[in-house]
Every structure is written in C-alpha cells, then in structure tokens.
PDB file of N, CA and C in Angstrom:
ATOM      1  N   MET A   1     160.982 138.284  66.234  1.00  0.00           N
ATOM      2  CA  MET A   1     159.499 138.563  67.193  1.00  0.00           C
ATOM      3  C   MET A   1     160.144 139.682  67.995  1.00  0.00           C
ATOM      4  N   ASN A   2     159.705 141.090  67.791  1.00  0.00           N
ATOM      5  CA  ASN A   2     160.109 142.143  68.673  1.00  0.00           C
ATOM      6  C   ASN A   2     159.304 142.474  69.348  1.00  0.00           C
ATOM      7  N   GLU A   3     159.538 142.407  70.690  1.00  0.00           N
ATOM      8  CA  GLU A   3     158.798 142.424  71.780  1.00  0.00           C
ATOM      9  C   GLU A   3     159.754 143.702  72.742  1.00  0.00           C
ATOM     10  N   SER A   4     158.650 144.423  73.525  1.00  0.00           N
ATOM     11  CA  SER A   4     158.756 145.862  73.824  1.00  0.00           C
ATOM     12  C   SER A   4     158.148 145.522  75.166  1.00  0.00           C
ATOM     13  N   ILE A   5     159.081 145.851  76.173  1.00  0.00           N
ATOM     14  CA  ILE A   5     158.432 145.722  77.647  1.00  0.00           C
ATOM     15  C   ILE A   5     158.394 147.189  78.263  1.00  0.00           C
ATOM     16  N   GLU A   6     156.963 147.366  78.569  1.00  0.00           N
ATOM     17  CA  GLU A   6     156.688 148.765  79.358  1.00  0.00           C
ATOM     18  C   GLU A   6     156.861 148.924  80.904  1.00  0.00           C
ATOM     19  N   ILE A   7     157.635 149.531  81.562  1.00  0.00           N
ATOM     20  CA  ILE A   7     157.332 149.642  82.608  1.00  0.00           C
ATOM     21  C   ILE A   7     156.784 150.124  83.188  1.00  0.00           C
ATOM     22  N   GLY A   8     155.717 149.656  84.267  1.00  0.00           N
ATOM     23  CA  GLY A   8     154.766 150.045  85.204  1.00  0.00           C
ATOM     24  C   GLY A   8     154.809 151.397  85.718  1.00  0.00           C
ATOM     25  N   SER A   9     153.720 151.999  86.167  1.00  0.00           N
ATOM     26  CA  SER A   9     153.992 153.170  86.929  1.00  0.00           C
ATOM     27  C   SER A   9     153.853 152.982  88.642  1.00  0.00           C
ATOM     28  N   GLY A  10     153.295 151.669  88.892  1.00  0.00           N
ATOM     29  CA  GLY A  10     153.321 151.226  90.215  1.00  0.00           C
ATOM     30  C   GLY A  10     151.898 151.048  90.716  1.00  0.00           C
ATOM     31  N   ASN A  11     150.838 151.713  89.646  1.00  0.00           N
ATOM     32  CA  ASN A  11     149.833 151.678  89.883  1.00  0.00           C
ATOM     33  C   ASN A  11     148.964 151.610  88.476  1.00  0.00           C
ATOM     34  N   VAL A  12     148.497 149.789  88.716  1.00  0.00           N
ATOM     35  CA  VAL A  12     147.900 149.248  87.333  1.00  0.00           C
ATOM     36  C   VAL A  12     146.929 150.019  87.032  1.00  0.00           C
ATOM     37  N   PHE A  13     145.809 150.480  87.764  1.00  0.00           N
ATOM     38  CA  PHE A  13     144.610 151.202  87.402  1.00  0.00           C
ATOM     39  C   PHE A  13     145.100 152.876  86.706  1.00  0.00           C
ATOM     40  N   ALA A  14     145.873 153.451  86.993  1.00  0.00           N
ATOM     41  CA  ALA A  14     146.598 154.304  86.049  1.00  0.00           C
ATOM     42  C   ALA A  14     147.052 153.697  84.899  1.00  0.00           C
ATOM     43  N   ASP A  15     148.106 152.763  85.090  1.00  0.00           N
ATOM     44  CA  ASP A  15     148.518 152.247  83.816  1.00  0.00           C
ATOM     45  C   ASP A  15     147.495 151.829  82.543  1.00  0.00           C
ATOM     46  N   LEU A  16     146.287 151.615  83.125  1.00  0.00           N
ATOM     47  CA  LEU A  16     145.139 151.317  81.956  1.00  0.00           C
ATOM     48  C   LEU A  16     144.293 152.550  81.872  1.00  0.00           C
ATOM     49  N   GLY A  17     144.366 153.676  82.477  1.00  0.00           N
ATOM     50  CA  GLY A  17     144.122 154.852  81.649  1.00  0.00           C
ATOM     51  C   GLY A  17     142.587 155.105  82.597  1.00  0.00           C
ATOM     52  N   LEU A  18     142.656 154.635  83.661  1.00  0.00           N
ATOM     53  CA  LEU A  18     141.157 154.644  84.509  1.00  0.00           C
ATOM     54  C   LEU A  18     141.055 155.692  85.279  1.00  0.00           C
ATOM     55  N   ALA A  19     139.951 156.595  85.152  1.00  0.00           N
ATOM     56  CA  ALA A  19     139.593 157.668  86.164  1.00  0.00           C
ATOM     57  C   ALA A  19     139.745 157.300  87.316  1.00  0.00           C
ATOM     58  N   ASP A  20     139.833 158.101  88.378  1.00  0.00           N
ATOM     59  CA  ASP A  20     139.992 157.719  89.857  1.00  0.00           C
ATOM     60  C   ASP A  20     141.512 156.535  90.279  1.00  0.00           C
ATOM     61  N   SER A  21     142.263 156.503  89.503  1.00  0.00           N
ATOM     62  CA  SER A  21     143.355 155.440  89.434  1.00  0.00           C
ATOM     63  C   SER A  21     143.758 155.582  90.938  1.00  0.00           C
ATOM     64  N   ASP A  22     144.179 156.636  91.459  1.00  0.00           N
ATOM     65  CA  ASP A  22     144.882 156.806  92.886  1.00  0.00           C
ATOM     66  C   ASP A  22     143.613 155.719  93.897  1.00  0.00           C
ATOM     67  N   GLU A  23     142.208 156.169  93.932  1.00  0.00           N
ATOM     68  CA  GLU A  23     141.469 155.806  94.759  1.00  0.00           C
ATOM     69  C   GLU A  23     140.945 154.456  94.149  1.00  0.00           C
ATOM     70  N   LEU A  24     141.345 153.757  93.311  1.00  0.00           N
ATOM     71  CA  LEU A  24     140.935 152.675  92.797  1.00  0.00           C
ATOM     72  C   LEU A  24     141.875 151.740  93.426  1.00  0.00           C
ATOM     73  N   LEU A  25     143.359 152.248  93.506  1.00  0.00           N
ATOM     74  CA  LEU A  25     144.326 151.758  94.075  1.00  0.00           C
ATOM     75  C   LEU A  25     144.475 151.439  95.652  1.00  0.00           C
ATOM     76  N   TYR A  26     144.318 152.248  96.083  1.00  0.00           N
ATOM     77  CA  TYR A  26     144.101 152.337  97.727  1.00  0.00           C
ATOM     78  C   TYR A  26     143.060 151.216  98.205  1.00  0.00           C
ATOM     79  N   LYS A  27     142.000 151.382  97.293  1.00  0.00           N
ATOM     80  CA  LYS A  27     140.832 150.771  97.736  1.00  0.00           C
ATOM     81  C   LYS A  27     141.094 149.100  97.293  1.00  0.00           C
ATOM     82  N   ALA A  28     141.666 148.596  96.425  1.00  0.00           N
ATOM     83  CA  ALA A  28     142.036 147.501  96.128  1.00  0.00           C
ATOM     84  C   ALA A  28     143.210 147.096  96.858  1.00  0.00           C
ATOM     85  N   GLU A  29     144.037 147.920  97.710  1.00  0.00           N
ATOM     86  CA  GLU A  29     144.894 147.542  98.998  1.00  0.00           C
ATOM     87  C   GLU A  29     144.609 147.507  99.813  1.00  0.00           C
ATOM     88  N   LEU A  30     143.457 148.354 100.456  1.00  0.00           N
ATOM     89  CA  LEU A  30     142.647 147.712 101.675  1.00  0.00           C
ATOM     90  C   LEU A  30     141.547 146.177 101.716  1.00  0.00           C
ATOM     91  N   LEU A  31     141.141 145.847 100.172  1.00  0.00           N
ATOM     92  CA  LEU A  31     140.901 144.894 100.454  1.00  0.00           C
ATOM     93  C   LEU A  31     141.682 143.693 100.186  1.00  0.00           C
ATOM     94  N   LEU A  32     142.713 144.033  99.682  1.00  0.00           N
ATOM     95  CA  LEU A  32     143.939 142.823 100.166  1.00  0.00           C
ATOM     96  C   LEU A  32     144.125 142.640 101.299  1.00  0.00           C
ATOM     97  N   HIS A  33     144.299 143.730 102.286  1.00  0.00           N
ATOM     98  CA  HIS A  33     144.336 143.588 103.483  1.00  0.00           C
ATOM     99  C   HIS A  33     143.411 142.852 104.358  1.00  0.00           C
ATOM    100  N   LEU A  34     142.178 143.261 103.854  1.00  0.00           N
ATOM    101  CA  LEU A  34     140.836 142.561 104.576  1.00  0.00           C
ATOM    102  C   LEU A  34     140.453 141.051 104.104  1.00  0.00           C
ATOM    103  N   LYS A  35     141.098 140.828 102.754  1.00  0.00           N
ATOM    104  CA  LYS A  35     141.140 139.412 102.648  1.00  0.00           C
ATOM    105  C   LYS A  35     142.380 138.712 103.148  1.00  0.00           C
ATOM    106  N   GLY A  36     143.331 139.284 103.473  1.00  0.00           N
ATOM    107  CA  GLY A  36     144.009 138.499 104.114  1.00  0.00           C
ATOM    108  C   GLY A  36     144.039 138.205 106.098  1.00  0.00           C
ATOM    109  N   LEU A  37     142.868 139.485 106.312  1.00  0.00           N
ATOM    110  CA  LEU A  37     142.703 139.212 107.875  1.00  0.00           C
ATOM    111  C   LEU A  37     141.708 137.827 107.733  1.00  0.00           C
ATOM    112  N   LEU A  38     140.858 137.974 106.978  1.00  0.00           N
ATOM    113  CA  LEU A  38     140.023 136.508 106.780  1.00  0.00           C
ATOM    114  C   LEU A  38     140.702 135.330 107.078  1.00  0.00           C
ATOM    115  N   LYS A  39     141.475 135.225 105.848  1.00  0.00           N
ATOM    116  CA  LYS A  39     142.401 134.352 106.018  1.00  0.00           C
ATOM    117  C   LYS A  39     143.446 133.519 107.209  1.00  0.00           C
ATOM    118  N   SER A  40     143.923 134.869 107.589  1.00  0.00           N
ATOM    119  CA  SER A  40     144.623 134.535 108.937  1.00  0.00           C
ATOM    120  C   SER A  40     143.985 133.907 110.021  1.00  0.00           C
ATOM    121  N   ARG A  41     142.552 135.043 110.037  1.00  0.00           N
ATOM    122  CA  ARG A  41     141.607 134.311 111.399  1.00  0.00           C
ATOM    123  C   ARG A  41     140.864 133.345 110.888  1.00  0.00           C
ATOM    124  N   ALA A  42     141.072 133.018 109.852  1.00  0.00           N
ATOM    125  CA  ALA A  42     140.079 131.470 109.485  1.00  0.00           C
ATOM    126  C   ALA A  42     138.511 131.967 109.375  1.00  0.00           C
ATOM    127  N   LEU A  43     138.335 133.110 108.971  1.00  0.00           N
ATOM    128  CA  LEU A  43     136.963 133.607 108.808  1.00  0.00           C
ATOM    129  C   LEU A  43     136.273 133.121 107.474  1.00  0.00           C
ATOM    130  N   THR A  44     135.161 132.904 107.234  1.00  0.00           N
ATOM    131  CA  THR A  44     134.410 132.186 106.202  1.00  0.00           C
ATOM    132  C   THR A  44     133.721 133.865 105.872  1.00  0.00           C
ATOM    133  N   GLN A  45     133.523 134.088 104.621  1.00  0.00           N
ATOM    134  CA  GLN A  45     132.882 135.259 104.175  1.00  0.00           C
ATOM    135  C   GLN A  45     132.038 135.242 104.687  1.00  0.00           C
ATOM    136  N   LYS A  46     130.768 134.384 105.021  1.00  0.00           N
ATOM    137  CA  LYS A  46     129.609 134.796 105.890  1.00  0.00           C
ATOM    138  C   LYS A  46     129.840 135.146 107.316  1.00  0.00           C
ATOM    139  N   ALA A  47     131.006 134.343 107.857  1.00  0.00           N
ATOM    140  CA  ALA A  47     131.306 135.005 109.018  1.00  0.00           C
ATOM    141  C   ALA A  47     131.858 136.546 109.088  1.00  0.00           C
ATOM    142  N   ALA A  48     132.533 136.802 108.219  1.00  0.00           N
ATOM    143  CA  ALA A  48     133.021 138.106 108.503  1.00  0.00           C
ATOM    144  C   ALA A  48     131.741 138.746 107.680  1.00  0.00           C
ATOM    145  N   ALA A  49     131.047 138.812 106.972  1.00  0.00           N
ATOM    146  CA  ALA A  49     130.074 139.441 106.467  1.00  0.00           C
ATOM    147  C   ALA A  49     128.930 139.870 107.823  1.00  0.00           C
ATOM    148  N   ALA A  50     128.749 138.915 108.662  1.00  0.00           N
ATOM    149  CA  ALA A  50     128.122 139.120 109.926  1.00  0.00           C
ATOM    150  C   ALA A  50     128.727 140.170 110.746  1.00  0.00           C
ATOM    151  N   LEU A  51     129.909 139.926 110.957  1.00  0.00           N
ATOM    152  CA  LEU A  51     130.963 140.597 111.850  1.00  0.00           C
ATOM    153  C   LEU A  51     130.854 142.162 111.297  1.00  0.00           C
ATOM    154  N   CYS A  52     130.965 142.460 110.069  1.00  0.00           N
ATOM    155  CA  CYS A  52     130.836 143.740 109.547  1.00  0.00           C
ATOM    156  C   CYS A  52     129.740 144.362 109.213  1.00  0.00           C
ATOM    157  N   GLY A  53     128.617 143.382 109.650  1.00  0.00           N
ATOM    158  CA  GLY A  53     127.330 144.491 109.310  1.00  0.00           C
ATOM    159  C   GLY A  53     126.896 144.387 107.777  1.00  0.00           C
ATOM    160  N   THR A  54     127.173 143.596 106.890  1.00  0.00           N
ATOM    161  CA  THR A  54     127.089 143.441 105.716  1.00  0.00           C
ATOM    162  C   THR A  54     126.350 141.975 105.098  1.00  0.00           C
ATOM    163  N   ASP A  55     126.320 141.688 103.948  1.00  0.00           N
ATOM    164  CA  ASP A  55     126.090 140.529 103.800  1.00  0.00           C
ATOM    165  C   ASP A  55     126.894 139.972 102.806  1.00  0.00           C
ATOM    166  N   GLN A  56     127.035 138.712 102.915  1.00  0.00           N
ATOM    167  CA  GLN A  56     127.988 137.521 102.233  1.00  0.00           C
ATOM    168  C   GLN A  56     128.254 137.877 100.740  1.00  0.00           C
ATOM    169  N   ALA A  57     126.793 138.145  99.746  1.00  0.00           N
ATOM    170  CA  ALA A  57     126.845 138.112  98.786  1.00  0.00           C
ATOM    171  C   ALA A  57     128.020 139.909  98.292  1.00  0.00           C
ATOM    172  N   THR A  58     127.412 140.453  98.910  1.00  0.00           N
ATOM    173  CA  THR A  58     128.269 142.113  98.752  1.00  0.00           C
ATOM    174  C   THR A  58     129.649 141.758  98.999  1.00  0.00           C
ATOM    175  N   LEU A  59     130.075 141.169  99.953  1.00  0.00           N
ATOM    176  CA  LEU A  59     131.506 140.932 100.396  1.00  0.00           C
ATOM    177  C   LEU A  59     132.061 140.150  98.998  1.00  0.00           C
ATOM    178  N   SER A  60     131.633 138.675  98.948  1.00  0.00           N
ATOM    179  CA  SER A  60     131.924 138.070  97.657  1.00  0.00           C
ATOM    180  C   SER A  60     132.246 138.944  96.475  1.00  0.00           C
ATOM    181  N   LYS A  61     131.163 140.182  95.990  1.00  0.00           N
ATOM    182  CA  LYS A  61     131.349 140.530  94.655  1.00  0.00           C
ATOM    183  C   LYS A  61     132.601 141.618  94.693  1.00  0.00           C
ATOM    184  N   VAL A  62     132.805 142.386  95.969  1.00  0.00           N
ATOM    185  CA  VAL A  62     133.715 143.183  96.518  1.00  0.00           C
ATOM    186  C   VAL A  62     134.938 142.524  95.977  1.00  0.00           C
ATOM    187  N   PHE A  63     135.143 141.294  96.771  1.00  0.00           N
ATOM    188  CA  PHE A  63     136.538 140.327  96.508  1.00  0.00           C
ATOM    189  C   PHE A  63     136.576 140.012  95.081  1.00  0.00           C
ATOM    190  N   ARG A  64     135.846 139.765  94.784  1.00  0.00           N
ATOM    191  CA  ARG A  64     136.005 139.015  93.061  1.00  0.00           C
ATOM    192  C   ARG A  64     135.828 140.905  91.899  1.00  0.00           C
ATOM    193  N   GLY A  65     136.059 142.098  92.452  1.00  0.00           N
ATOM    194  CA  GLY A  65     136.617 143.051  91.872  1.00  0.00           C
ATOM    195  C   GLY A  65     135.722 144.256  91.821  1.00  0.00           C
ATOM    196  N   ARG A  66     134.484 144.029  92.391  1.00  0.00           N
ATOM    197  CA  ARG A  66     133.337 145.300  92.188  1.00  0.00           C
ATOM    198  C   ARG A  66     133.720 145.888  93.188  1.00  0.00           C
ATOM    199  N   ILE A  67     134.844 146.760  93.512  1.00  0.00           N
ATOM    200  CA  ILE A  67     135.493 147.476  94.378  1.00  0.00           C
ATOM    201  C   ILE A  67     134.375 148.953  94.179  1.00  0.00           C
ATOM    202  N   ASP A  68     133.553 149.113  92.971  1.00  0.00           N
ATOM    203  CA  ASP A  68     132.849 150.326  92.557  1.00  0.00           C
ATOM    204  C   ASP A  68     131.544 150.456  93.892  1.00  0.00           C
ATOM    205  N   LEU A  69     131.337 149.036  94.197  1.00  0.00           N
ATOM    206  CA  LEU A  69     130.324 148.586  94.958  1.00  0.00           C
ATOM    207  C   LEU A  69     130.355 149.454  96.458  1.00  0.00           C
ATOM    208  N   VAL A  70     131.395 149.720  96.952  1.00  0.00           N
ATOM    209  CA  VAL A  70     131.877 150.377  98.270  1.00  0.00           C
ATOM    210  C   VAL A  70     132.389 151.491  98.428  1.00  0.00           C
ATOM    211  N   THR A  71     132.379 152.500  99.140  1.00  0.00           N
ATOM    212  CA  THR A  71     133.151 153.497  99.271  1.00  0.00           C
ATOM    213  C   THR A  71     134.169 153.242 100.354  1.00  0.00           C
ATOM    214  N   THR A  72     135.080 153.932 100.227  1.00  0.00           N
ATOM    215  CA  THR A  72     136.195 153.997 101.223  1.00  0.00           C
ATOM    216  C   THR A  72     135.931 154.158 102.849  1.00  0.00           C
ATOM    217  N   ASP A  73     134.669 154.822 103.395  1.00  0.00           N
ATOM    218  CA  ASP A  73     134.247 154.760 104.542  1.00  0.00           C
ATOM    219  C   ASP A  73     133.775 153.440 104.812  1.00  0.00           C
ATOM    220  N   ARG A  74     132.926 153.006 103.751  1.00  0.00           N
ATOM    221  CA  ARG A  74     132.308 151.080 104.507  1.00  0.00           C
ATOM    222  C   ARG A  74     133.748 150.219 104.179  1.00  0.00           C
ATOM    223  N   LEU A  75     134.777 150.449 103.754  1.00  0.00           N
ATOM    224  CA  LEU A  75     136.211 149.558 104.011  1.00  0.00           C
ATOM    225  C   LEU A  75     136.599 149.892 105.136  1.00  0.00           C
ATOM    226  N   PHE A  76     136.597 151.205 105.680  1.00  0.00           N
ATOM    227  CA  PHE A  76     137.001 151.480 107.183  1.00  0.00           C
ATOM    228  C   PHE A  76     136.385 150.875 107.953  1.00  0.00           C
ATOM    229  N   ARG A  77     134.811 151.041 107.534  1.00  0.00           N
ATOM    230  CA  ARG A  77     134.077 150.202 108.756  1.00  0.00           C
ATOM    231  C   ARG A  77     134.256 148.863 108.687  1.00  0.00           C
ATOM    232  N   TRP A  78     134.253 148.434 107.973  1.00  0.00           N
ATOM    233  CA  TRP A  78     134.809 146.824 107.961  1.00  0.00           C
ATOM    234  C   TRP A  78     135.588 146.394 108.563  1.00  0.00           C
ATOM    235  N   LEU A  79     136.878 147.097 108.515  1.00  0.00           N
ATOM    236  CA  LEU A  79     137.965 146.689 109.169  1.00  0.00           C
ATOM    237  C   LEU A  79     137.878 147.155 110.431  1.00  0.00           C
ATOM    238  N   THR A  80     137.314 148.162 110.671  1.00  0.00           N
ATOM    239  CA  THR A  80     137.073 148.377 112.266  1.00  0.00           C
ATOM    240  C   THR A  80     136.400 147.250 113.069  1.00  0.00           C
ATOM    241  N   CYS A  81     135.247 146.827 112.185  1.00  0.00           N
ATOM    242  CA  CYS A  81     134.664 145.961 112.840  1.00  0.00           C
ATOM    243  C   CYS A  81     135.372 144.290 113.235  1.00  0.00           C
ATOM    244  N   LEU A  82     136.590 144.343 112.279  1.00  0.00           N
ATOM    245  CA  LEU A  82     137.399 143.557 112.885  1.00  0.00           C
ATOM    246  C   LEU A  82     138.507 143.904 113.889  1.00  0.00           C
ATOM    247  N   ASN A  83     138.089 144.488 114.197  1.00  0.00           N
ATOM    248  CA  ASN A  83     139.514 145.187 115.491  1.00  0.00           C
ATOM    249  C   ASN A  83     140.358 145.701 115.029  1.00  0.00           C
ATOM    250  N   VAL A  84     140.660 146.275 113.475  1.00  0.00           N
ATOM    251  CA  VAL A  84     141.989 146.859 112.667  1.00  0.00           C
ATOM    252  C   VAL A  84     141.674 148.315 112.964  1.00  0.00           C
ATOM    253  N   ASP A  85     142.614 148.998 113.845  1.00  0.00           N
ATOM    254  CA  ASP A  85     142.988 150.257 114.080  1.00  0.00           C
ATOM    255  C   ASP A  85     142.818 151.016 112.411  1.00  0.00           C
ATOM    256  N   VAL A  86     142.361 151.929 112.215  1.00  0.00           N
ATOM    257  CA  VAL A  86     142.612 152.360 110.611  1.00  0.00           C
ATOM    258  C   VAL A  86     143.250 153.962 111.408  1.00  0.00           C
ATOM    259  N   LYS A  87     144.341 154.106 110.684  1.00  0.00           N
ATOM    260  CA  LYS A  87     145.019 155.474 111.089  1.00  0.00           C
ATOM    261  C   LYS A  87     145.266 156.478 109.862  1.00  0.00           C
ATOM    262  N   ILE A  88     144.699 157.333 109.668  1.00  0.00           N
ATOM    263  CA  ILE A  88     144.723 158.322 108.803  1.00  0.00           C
ATOM    264  C   ILE A  88     145.801 159.196 109.049  1.00  0.00           C
ATOM    265  N   THR A  89     146.938 159.326 108.375  1.00  0.00           N
ATOM    266  CA  THR A  89     147.886 160.233 108.733  1.00  0.00           C
ATOM    267  C   THR A  89     148.029 161.244 107.513  1.00  0.00           C
ATOM    268  N   LEU A  90     147.948 162.896 107.532  1.00  0.00           N
ATOM    269  CA  LEU A  90     147.890 163.752 106.476  1.00  0.00           C
ATOM    270  C   LEU A  90     149.279 164.739 106.638  1.00  0.00           C
ATOM    271  N   THR A  91     149.955 164.627 105.458  1.00  0.00           N
ATOM    272  CA  THR A  91     151.147 165.311 105.298  1.00  0.00           C
ATOM    273  C   THR A  91     151.402 166.257 104.330  1.00  0.00           C
ATOM    274  N   ASP A  92     151.426 167.373 104.676  1.00  0.00           N
ATOM    275  CA  ASP A  92     151.515 168.784 103.384  1.00  0.00           C
ATOM    276  C   ASP A  92     152.405 168.510 102.721  1.00  0.00           C
ATOM    277  N   LYS A  93     152.483 168.320 101.488  1.00  0.00           N
ATOM    278  CA  LYS A  93     153.625 168.148 100.779  1.00  0.00           C
ATOM    279  C   LYS A  93     153.635 169.336 100.013  1.00  0.00           C
ATOM    280  N   THR A  94     154.871 170.145  99.420  1.00  0.00           N
ATOM    281  CA  THR A  94     155.112 171.258  99.139  1.00  0.00           C
ATOM    282  C   THR A  94     155.359 170.836  97.492  1.00  0.00           C
ATOM    283  N   ALA A  95     155.554 170.094  97.136  1.00  0.00           N
ATOM    284  CA  ALA A  95     155.376 169.479  95.766  1.00  0.00           C
ATOM    285  C   ALA A  95     154.539 169.850  94.900  1.00  0.00           C
ATOM    286  N   PRO A  96     154.849 170.462  93.619  1.00  0.00           N
ATOM    287  CA  PRO A  96     153.357 170.766  92.657  1.00  0.00           C
ATOM    288  C   PRO A  96     152.403 169.623  92.339  1.00  0.00           C
ATOM    289  N   GLU A  97     153.017 168.155  92.477  1.00  0.00           N
ATOM    290  CA  GLU A  97     152.309 167.373  92.016  1.00  0.00           C
ATOM    291  C   GLU A  97     151.052 166.981  93.394  1.00  0.00           C
ATOM    292  N   PRO A  98     150.351 166.101  92.811  1.00  0.00           N
ATOM    293  CA  PRO A  98     149.177 165.847  94.436  1.00  0.00           C
ATOM    294  C   PRO A  98     149.394 165.108  95.254  1.00  0.00           C
ATOM    295  N   GLY A  99     149.047 164.977  96.044  1.00  0.00           N
ATOM    296  CA  GLY A  99     149.027 163.794  96.820  1.00  0.00           C
ATOM    297  C   GLY A  99     148.652 162.211  96.786  1.00  0.00           C
ATOM    298  N   HIS A 100     148.891 161.503  97.821  1.00  0.00           N
ATOM    299  CA  HIS A 100     148.471 160.054  97.300  1.00  0.00           C
ATOM    300  C   HIS A 100     148.093 159.468  98.835  1.00  0.00           C
ATOM    301  N   VAL A 101     147.115 158.584  98.641  1.00  0.00           N
ATOM    302  CA  VAL A 101     147.057 157.818  99.604  1.00  0.00           C
ATOM    303  C   VAL A 101     147.298 156.509  99.748  1.00  0.00           C
ATOM    304  N   MET A 102     148.113 155.917 100.784  1.00  0.00           N
ATOM    305  CA  MET A 102     148.942 154.740 100.953  1.00  0.00           C
ATOM    306  C   MET A 102     148.754 153.692 101.863  1.00  0.00           C
ATOM    307  N   VAL A 103     148.267 152.470 101.699  1.00  0.00           N
ATOM    308  CA  VAL A 103     148.078 151.758 102.894  1.00  0.00           C
ATOM    309  C   VAL A 103     149.167 150.998 102.920  1.00  0.00           C
ATOM    310  N   CYS A 104     149.719 150.611 104.575  1.00  0.00           N
ATOM    311  CA  CYS A 104     150.497 150.035 105.015  1.00  0.00           C
ATOM    312  C   CYS A 104     150.495 149.095 105.753  1.00  0.00           C
TER     313      CYS A 104
END
C-alpha cells in the first residue's frame, strides 16, 4: 500500500479549495470560542440564545456548521452579549501577501 501524507496549510477551508477560506476560518474560531464560553458557564443553547437576542434553533444550526447563516458582526454581537470584549487590532503589513484575521 502506497500512502502519501499531505501537510495542511493550517486552514482546512483553504485546503479544501473553498472561496473565502480566511473568513470561514476566523468565523469557525469565533464559534469555537463561543461554544467554549457556553460550556464553561454551563449555559444551555436556549439560555445563551436569549442572552444573545437570537433563537435556539439558529444558534444550534450555526454550531452544527451552518456558519453561512451568521455574519462576523453578528458573532461579535453574540460575544459582547456574553460580556466578552472583542478587540480588533489592525497591523500594516508591508509583505506582498494579503493580511489575515486571527482569533486569540
């Protein structure tokens, strides 16, 4: 059996050839953070949805991978509704490649 291993780029969405892979990656990272908050605070999706001003069904769909249903602004709003400060740092890069959004 001849198996080859391909090293990923660090962005599974780019590796799959999806358009807007950078946006998909940082949305997924924001969602992972949001999901971690719910777990650490022992919040149900229903309780979190009420705090965030949305419905449980939408939150559930987004957590199950339908990140196309939410904008970055909406994710930021959900995080701030849960008392998370969202800080955006802009750094001017002189490299010829485009910039990236990182969630820390």
